[in-house]
């Protein structure tokens, strides 16, 4: 059973290929931009072109473009290979990274950079179950709400700076940790944007149409 893991939801471009749970290939970089150009060549460079029986993809939250790129690629590959397709949250994968990093205080707070001065945030217990709904909150408002001493994720430094206290551990989603996600952490392969779209439809002028 081979599993290809695709993660392009955040600044990280991270892919991994597992064979019965054993990691056989991995590519990870903090790409920032350019996921669309780099993703398929990175997959093609994996053993057997990354071909797998299952494809798992990060459904977000993160950038609208990054989420769409990853899901579109995962759907296309799963269709071509007649493979199973599943999803996971970027927040859950960062929580898995926090556990791997040796987090001692649970639940842990995960904060990922959002848009327009906001952060995505969510709490997780040691079993990687969320302690509440995913939210996108302005940094200043979130600083007044989150009391956890240690913050994990790409938004950790901004949140700790806004609070003036705390320890930031700036982790990005890493596809190598996909096996750490429990079954209850898997989700349908549909976008999880975490906030509304930036672009709003234009109102139709009165009397038009």
Protein backbone atom coordinates (compact mmCIF):
# COMPACT_ATOMS: atom_id res chain seq x y z
CA UNK A 1 0.00 0.00 0.00
CA UNK A 2 1.65 3.22 -1.13
CA UNK A 3 0.48 6.67 -0.05
CA UNK A 4 1.44 9.93 -1.72
CA UNK A 5 1.05 12.97 0.55
CA UNK A 6 0.70 16.44 -1.02
CA UNK A 7 0.92 19.65 1.00
CA UNK A 8 0.80 23.04 -0.72
CA UNK A 9 -1.68 24.86 1.54
CA UNK A 10 0.89 27.14 3.22
CA UNK A 11 4.31 28.56 2.41
CA UNK A 12 5.69 25.02 2.53
CA UNK A 13 5.79 22.74 -0.48
CA UNK A 14 5.96 19.30 1.08
CA UNK A 15 5.42 15.90 -0.50
CA UNK A 16 6.13 12.41 0.80
CA UNK A 17 5.77 8.86 -0.47
CA UNK A 18 5.12 6.02 1.97
CA UNK A 19 5.13 2.28 1.42
CA UNK A 20 3.08 0.51 4.12
CA UNK A 21 3.80 3.38 6.49
CA UNK A 22 7.54 3.52 5.78
CA UNK A 23 8.85 6.77 4.30
CA UNK A 24 10.62 6.08 1.01
CA UNK A 25 10.91 9.59 -0.44
CA UNK A 26 10.37 13.16 0.72
CA UNK A 27 10.63 16.70 -0.66
CA UNK A 28 10.17 19.76 1.53
CA UNK A 29 10.94 23.44 1.04
CA UNK A 30 9.56 26.74 2.24
CA UNK A 31 8.67 27.85 -1.27
CA UNK A 32 6.49 30.84 -0.42
CA UNK A 33 5.17 31.02 -3.96
CA UNK A 34 5.55 28.96 -7.10
CA UNK A 35 3.80 25.82 -5.85
CA UNK A 36 2.02 25.35 -9.19
CA UNK A 37 5.30 25.27 -11.12
CA UNK A 38 7.20 23.09 -8.64
CA UNK A 39 4.65 20.53 -7.47
CA UNK A 40 4.32 18.17 -10.43
CA UNK A 41 8.08 18.04 -11.21
CA UNK A 42 8.71 17.24 -7.54
CA UNK A 43 6.18 14.40 -7.66
CA UNK A 44 7.60 13.12 -10.96
CA UNK A 45 11.04 12.91 -9.33
CA UNK A 46 9.77 10.46 -6.69
CA UNK A 47 10.24 6.70 -7.18
CA UNK A 48 7.82 5.43 -9.84
CA UNK A 49 6.73 9.02 -10.40
CA UNK A 50 5.03 9.00 -7.01
CA UNK A 51 2.45 6.45 -8.12
CA UNK A 52 0.39 5.29 -5.14
CA UNK A 53 -2.74 3.44 -4.06
CA UNK A 54 -3.82 6.37 -1.92
CA UNK A 55 -3.35 10.14 -2.27
CA UNK A 56 -3.66 12.37 0.79
CA UNK A 57 -3.82 16.14 0.43
CA UNK A 58 -3.73 19.14 2.78
CA UNK A 59 -7.14 20.79 2.38
CA UNK A 60 -6.22 23.94 4.34
CA UNK A 61 -6.50 26.38 5.84
CA UNK A 62 -3.82 28.44 4.14
CA UNK A 63 -3.64 30.40 0.94
CA UNK A 64 -6.61 30.09 -1.40
CA UNK A 65 -4.25 29.40 -4.31
CA UNK A 66 -2.13 26.86 -2.45
CA UNK A 67 -5.16 24.91 -1.25
CA UNK A 68 -6.63 24.76 -4.76
CA UNK A 69 -3.33 23.69 -6.34
CA UNK A 70 -2.86 20.79 -3.97
CA UNK A 71 -6.42 19.51 -4.19
CA UNK A 72 -6.53 19.79 -7.99
CA UNK A 73 -3.30 17.82 -8.33
CA UNK A 74 -4.42 15.19 -5.83
CA UNK A 75 -7.76 14.71 -7.58
CA UNK A 76 -6.11 14.39 -10.99
CA UNK A 77 -3.55 11.85 -9.79
CA UNK A 78 -6.09 9.81 -7.83
CA UNK A 79 -8.33 9.68 -10.91
CA UNK A 80 -5.45 8.67 -13.21
CA UNK A 81 -4.19 5.99 -10.82
CA UNK A 82 -7.65 4.85 -9.66
CA UNK A 83 -6.39 5.55 -6.15
CA UNK A 84 -8.17 6.34 -2.89
CA UNK A 85 -8.29 10.07 -2.11
CA UNK A 86 -8.41 11.59 1.36
CA UNK A 87 -7.66 14.91 3.04
CA UNK A 88 -6.22 16.34 6.22
CA UNK A 89 -6.02 19.77 7.83
CA UNK A 90 -2.87 21.89 7.93
CA UNK A 91 -3.69 22.61 11.56
CA UNK A 92 -3.71 18.92 12.46
CA UNK A 93 -0.37 18.35 10.73
CA UNK A 94 1.21 21.24 12.66
CA UNK A 95 -0.21 19.80 15.89
CA UNK A 96 1.44 16.50 14.93
CA UNK A 97 4.70 18.41 14.44
CA UNK A 98 4.28 19.95 17.90
CA UNK A 99 3.92 16.47 19.40
CA UNK A 100 6.98 15.31 17.46
CA UNK A 101 8.82 18.39 18.74
CA UNK A 102 8.20 17.20 22.28
CA UNK A 103 5.40 19.51 23.41
CA UNK A 104 4.94 19.04 27.14
CA UNK A 105 1.88 21.19 27.83
CA UNK A 106 -1.41 20.05 26.32
CA UNK A 107 -3.65 21.13 24.76
CA UNK A 108 -1.43 23.01 22.33
CA UNK A 109 -2.29 26.17 20.39
CA UNK A 110 -1.65 26.18 16.65
CA UNK A 111 -1.57 29.46 14.72
CA UNK A 112 -1.03 29.68 10.96
CA UNK A 113 -0.55 32.86 8.98
CA UNK A 114 -3.78 33.97 7.32
CA UNK A 115 -4.62 37.03 5.29
CA UNK A 116 -5.36 40.67 6.05
CA UNK A 117 -3.63 40.65 9.44
CA UNK A 118 -5.46 37.55 10.66
CA UNK A 119 -4.27 34.18 11.93
CA UNK A 120 -5.93 30.80 11.66
CA UNK A 121 -5.91 29.18 15.07
CA UNK A 122 -7.11 26.06 16.83
CA UNK A 123 -6.37 24.05 19.98
CA UNK A 124 -5.47 20.32 19.92
CA UNK A 125 -5.14 17.64 22.56
CA UNK A 126 -2.40 15.01 22.66
CA UNK A 127 -4.49 12.67 20.49
CA UNK A 128 -4.66 15.47 17.86
CA UNK A 129 -8.35 16.02 18.36
CA UNK A 130 -9.36 19.69 17.97
CA UNK A 131 -10.54 21.45 21.10
CA UNK A 132 -12.78 23.83 19.17
CA UNK A 133 -13.66 25.11 15.73
CA UNK A 134 -11.10 26.53 13.34
CA UNK A 135 -11.18 30.34 13.39
CA UNK A 136 -9.57 33.19 11.47
CA UNK A 137 -9.04 36.08 13.91
CA UNK A 138 -7.22 39.45 13.73
CA UNK A 139 -3.86 39.16 15.48
CA UNK A 140 -4.60 41.81 18.11
CA UNK A 141 -7.91 40.18 19.05
CA UNK A 142 -6.35 36.73 19.15
CA UNK A 143 -3.55 38.00 21.40
CA UNK A 144 -6.17 38.89 24.01
CA UNK A 145 -7.81 35.46 23.82
CA UNK A 146 -5.02 32.88 23.68
CA UNK A 147 -3.21 32.30 26.96
CA UNK A 148 -1.11 29.24 26.02
CA UNK A 149 2.52 29.93 26.80
CA UNK A 150 3.84 28.08 23.74
CA UNK A 151 2.39 28.72 20.27
CA UNK A 152 3.13 26.47 17.31
CA UNK A 153 2.89 27.27 13.61
CA UNK A 154 3.83 29.87 11.02
CA UNK A 155 1.78 32.51 12.88
CA UNK A 156 3.37 31.80 16.26
CA UNK A 157 5.93 34.61 16.16
CA UNK A 158 3.36 37.24 15.17
CA UNK A 159 1.00 36.13 17.94
CA UNK A 160 3.66 36.09 20.65
CA UNK A 161 4.91 39.50 19.52
CA UNK A 162 1.38 40.91 19.73
CA UNK A 163 0.99 39.50 23.26
CA UNK A 164 4.46 40.56 24.32
CA UNK A 165 4.96 37.17 25.93
CA UNK A 166 5.19 33.46 25.16
CA UNK A 167 7.41 31.10 23.22
CA UNK A 168 6.93 30.83 19.47
CA UNK A 169 7.78 27.60 17.66
CA UNK A 170 7.43 28.48 13.94
CA UNK A 171 6.53 25.10 12.44
CA UNK A 172 5.16 24.50 8.94
CA UNK A 173 3.16 21.47 7.81
CA UNK A 174 5.54 18.61 6.98
CA UNK A 175 4.25 15.72 4.87
CA UNK A 176 6.58 13.24 6.62
CA UNK A 177 4.30 13.39 9.66
CA UNK A 178 1.16 12.27 7.83
CA UNK A 179 1.25 8.79 9.48
CA UNK A 180 0.94 10.53 12.86
CA UNK A 181 -2.54 11.77 11.95
CA UNK A 182 -5.15 9.43 13.49
CA UNK A 183 -8.09 8.15 11.50
CA UNK A 184 -10.37 10.73 13.10
CA UNK A 185 -8.08 13.45 11.73
CA UNK A 186 -8.71 12.52 8.10
CA UNK A 187 -11.30 14.62 6.26
CA UNK A 188 -12.99 14.67 2.84
CA UNK A 189 -10.75 16.16 0.11
CA UNK A 190 -12.66 19.44 -0.08
CA UNK A 191 -11.16 22.92 0.47
CA UNK A 192 -11.06 24.18 4.04
CA UNK A 193 -10.40 27.87 3.48
CA UNK A 194 -11.14 28.96 7.04
CA UNK A 195 -12.42 32.38 5.95
CA UNK A 196 -14.42 34.03 3.20
CA UNK A 197 -12.96 34.83 -0.18
CA UNK A 198 -11.15 38.17 -0.56
CA UNK A 199 -12.95 38.97 -3.80
CA UNK A 200 -16.62 39.84 -3.46
CA UNK A 201 -19.13 39.70 -6.32
CA UNK A 202 -20.11 43.13 -7.64
CA UNK A 203 -23.63 44.25 -6.89
CA UNK A 204 -25.89 44.43 -9.93
CA UNK A 205 -26.90 48.06 -10.59
CA UNK A 206 -30.56 48.81 -10.09
CA UNK A 207 -32.51 48.25 -13.27
CA UNK A 208 -29.74 46.22 -14.91
CA UNK A 209 -30.28 42.84 -16.53
